[in-house]
Protein backbone atom coordinates (compact mmCIF):
# COMPACT_ATOMS: atom_id res chain seq x y z
CA UNK A 1 -6.04 10.61 -2.67
CA UNK A 2 -8.41 12.43 -0.39
CA UNK A 3 -9.27 10.56 2.76
CA UNK A 4 -10.79 11.33 6.10
CA UNK A 5 -8.44 11.72 9.05
CA UNK A 6 -8.22 8.45 10.90
CA UNK A 7 -8.51 6.34 7.73
CA UNK A 8 -4.94 5.21 8.38
CA UNK A 9 -3.65 1.88 7.21
CA UNK A 10 -1.47 -0.59 8.96
CA UNK A 11 1.28 -1.95 6.78
CA UNK A 12 4.38 -3.70 7.91
CA UNK A 13 7.63 -2.95 6.16
CA UNK A 14 9.78 -5.94 6.91
CA UNK A 15 13.54 -6.06 6.81
CA UNK A 16 15.66 -9.12 6.46
CA UNK A 17 17.11 -11.27 3.72
CA UNK A 18 14.00 -10.99 1.53
CA UNK A 19 13.52 -7.24 1.93
CA UNK A 20 15.58 -4.50 0.39
CA UNK A 21 16.07 -2.28 3.43
CA UNK A 22 17.85 0.42 1.41
CA UNK A 23 14.67 1.13 -0.54
CA UNK A 24 12.13 3.59 0.83
CA UNK A 25 8.74 2.28 1.84
CA UNK A 26 6.20 2.08 -0.97
CA UNK A 27 2.96 1.69 0.94
CA UNK A 28 0.12 2.94 3.12
CA UNK A 29 -2.49 5.56 3.52
CA UNK A 30 -1.87 7.96 6.35
CA UNK A 31 -0.70 4.98 8.30
CA UNK A 32 2.21 3.41 10.03
CA UNK A 33 4.98 1.29 8.64
CA UNK A 34 7.12 -1.02 10.71
CA UNK A 35 10.75 -1.38 9.76
CA UNK A 36 13.44 -3.48 11.33
CA UNK A 37 16.28 -1.26 10.11
CA UNK A 38 15.09 2.32 10.24
CA UNK A 39 15.45 4.36 13.42
CA UNK A 40 12.74 6.44 15.02
CA UNK A 41 12.83 10.21 14.69
CA UNK A 42 13.50 10.52 18.42
CA UNK A 43 17.13 10.86 19.55
CA UNK A 44 18.91 7.87 21.03
CA UNK A 45 19.63 4.39 19.81
CA UNK A 46 17.42 3.08 17.05
CA UNK A 47 14.91 0.49 18.22
CA UNK A 48 14.61 -2.80 16.38
CA UNK A 49 11.29 -1.63 14.91
CA UNK A 50 10.20 1.92 14.18
CA UNK A 51 6.85 3.34 13.16
CA UNK A 52 7.01 5.81 10.32
CA UNK A 53 4.27 8.07 9.00
CA UNK A 54 3.57 7.49 5.33
CA UNK A 55 2.00 9.61 2.63
CA UNK A 56 -1.76 9.57 2.68
CA UNK A 57 -3.30 7.43 -0.06
CA UNK A 58 -0.40 5.05 -0.59
CA UNK A 59 -2.33 1.89 0.35
CA UNK A 60 -5.07 2.94 -2.04
CA UNK A 61 -2.47 3.38 -4.78
CA UNK A 62 -1.06 -0.10 -4.13
CA UNK A 63 -4.54 -1.62 -4.27
CA UNK A 64 -5.37 0.16 -7.51
CA UNK A 65 -2.06 -0.93 -9.06
CA UNK A 66 -2.59 -4.53 -8.00
CA UNK A 67 -6.10 -4.58 -9.46
CA UNK A 68 -4.85 -3.13 -12.75
CA UNK A 69 -3.65 -6.69 -13.44
CA UNK A 70 -7.20 -8.02 -13.20
CA UNK A 71 -9.89 -8.86 -10.62
CA UNK A 72 -8.70 -10.28 -7.28
CA UNK A 73 -10.19 -11.08 -3.91
CA UNK A 74 -8.85 -9.43 -0.77
CA UNK A 75 -6.42 -12.14 0.27
CA UNK A 76 -4.97 -12.28 -3.26
CA UNK A 77 -4.43 -8.50 -3.16
CA UNK A 78 -2.40 -8.73 0.05
CA UNK A 79 -0.44 -11.70 -1.29
CA UNK A 80 0.39 -9.87 -4.53
CA UNK A 81 1.61 -6.75 -2.72
CA UNK A 82 3.78 -8.90 -0.47
CA UNK A 83 5.11 -10.88 -3.44
CA UNK A 84 5.93 -7.87 -5.62
CA UNK A 85 7.64 -6.11 -2.71
CA UNK A 86 9.78 -9.21 -2.01
CA UNK A 87 7.94 -9.63 1.30
CA UNK A 88 8.93 -6.10 2.37
CA UNK A 89 5.30 -4.91 2.57
CA UNK A 90 2.54 -6.65 4.47
CA UNK A 91 -0.98 -5.24 4.34
CA UNK A 92 -3.00 -6.05 7.43
CA UNK A 93 -6.54 -7.29 6.85
CA UNK A 94 -7.89 -4.62 9.20
CA UNK A 95 -6.54 -1.98 6.82
CA UNK A 96 -7.22 -3.69 3.52
CA UNK A 97 -10.97 -4.18 3.74
CA UNK A 98 -11.84 -0.65 4.89
CA UNK A 99 -9.68 0.65 2.02
CA UNK A 100 -11.43 -1.65 -0.48
CA UNK A 101 -14.85 -0.52 0.76
CA UNK A 102 -13.80 3.15 0.62
CA UNK A 103 -12.53 2.75 -2.97
CA UNK A 104 -15.75 0.99 -3.89
CA UNK A 105 -17.82 3.84 -2.39
CA UNK A 106 -15.73 6.27 -4.45
CA UNK A 107 -16.63 4.17 -7.52
CA UNK A 108 -12.98 3.44 -8.24
CA UNK A 109 -13.66 -0.29 -7.78
CA UNK A 110 -16.61 -2.59 -8.35
CA UNK A 111 -17.05 -6.01 -6.81
CA UNK A 112 -18.76 -9.31 -7.44
CA UNK A 113 -18.96 -12.64 -5.64
CA UNK A 114 -17.20 -15.67 -7.04
CA UNK A 115 -15.32 -18.81 -6.09
CA UNK A 116 -11.71 -18.54 -4.94
CA UNK A 117 -8.88 -20.89 -5.91
CA UNK A 118 -9.91 -23.10 -2.97
CA UNK A 119 -13.55 -23.08 -4.12
CA UNK A 120 -14.66 -20.80 -1.29
CA UNK A 121 -16.99 -17.88 -1.76
CA UNK A 122 -14.95 -14.68 -2.16
CA UNK A 123 -15.65 -11.08 -3.09
CA UNK A 124 -13.63 -10.06 -6.13
CA UNK A 125 -12.69 -6.44 -6.78
CA UNK A 126 -11.84 -4.85 -10.11
CA UNK A 127 -10.98 -1.37 -11.35
CA UNK A 128 -13.59 0.85 -12.93
CA UNK A 129 -12.72 3.34 -15.66
CA UNK A 130 -12.51 6.02 -12.94
CA UNK A 131 -10.20 3.73 -10.95
CA UNK A 132 -7.84 3.38 -13.92
CA UNK A 133 -7.78 7.16 -14.35
CA UNK A 134 -7.07 7.66 -10.62
CA UNK A 135 -4.29 5.06 -10.77
CA UNK A 136 -2.63 6.89 -13.66
CA UNK A 137 -2.87 10.28 -11.94
CA UNK A 138 -1.72 9.03 -8.52
CA UNK A 139 1.18 7.08 -10.03
CA UNK A 140 2.44 10.23 -11.73
CA UNK A 141 2.16 12.18 -8.47
CA UNK A 142 3.97 9.43 -6.54
CA UNK A 143 6.86 9.43 -9.04
CA UNK A 144 7.15 13.23 -8.79
CA UNK A 145 7.19 13.04 -4.98
CA UNK A 146 9.80 10.27 -4.96
CA UNK A 147 12.00 12.21 -7.41
CA UNK A 148 11.78 15.38 -5.32
CA UNK A 149 12.64 13.56 -2.10
CA UNK A 150 15.49 11.80 -3.91
CA UNK A 151 16.90 15.14 -5.03
CA UNK A 152 16.90 16.46 -1.49
CA UNK A 153 18.50 13.30 -0.10
CA UNK A 154 21.20 13.24 -2.78
CA UNK A 155 22.14 16.91 -2.38
CA UNK A 156 25.57 16.96 -0.98
């Protein structure tokens, strides 16, 4: 997904009993991912947390996929991503809302105000027809990328 440089997202990729550390990260825009099990690219002992560059547009893809299930407010989007990833991915609020606004400007999402589960005023986001088309296209590209990387990693 085209983005401006500097539109990076902050996502945390957590390791531990709830996270599957053997799986590659599934999230972010051109952002950083924090992992408790992956080493940094620099030589030497692996730190307890490493920042990894992620493919541009990945946070947008996760948002679009989450909203394919129906309208949600921002907090519910972050909760769903965390839940589906078995708590391995955590989207920071400072990354989520700029991404939502960017997707809305691109007319991939539309929003409306409503009451949340706790009866508070919340802005709900939903996919547009263009958003559904982008989700389909980006999902196909992501699967092709993952398959290609997998082939290289499995080559013996």
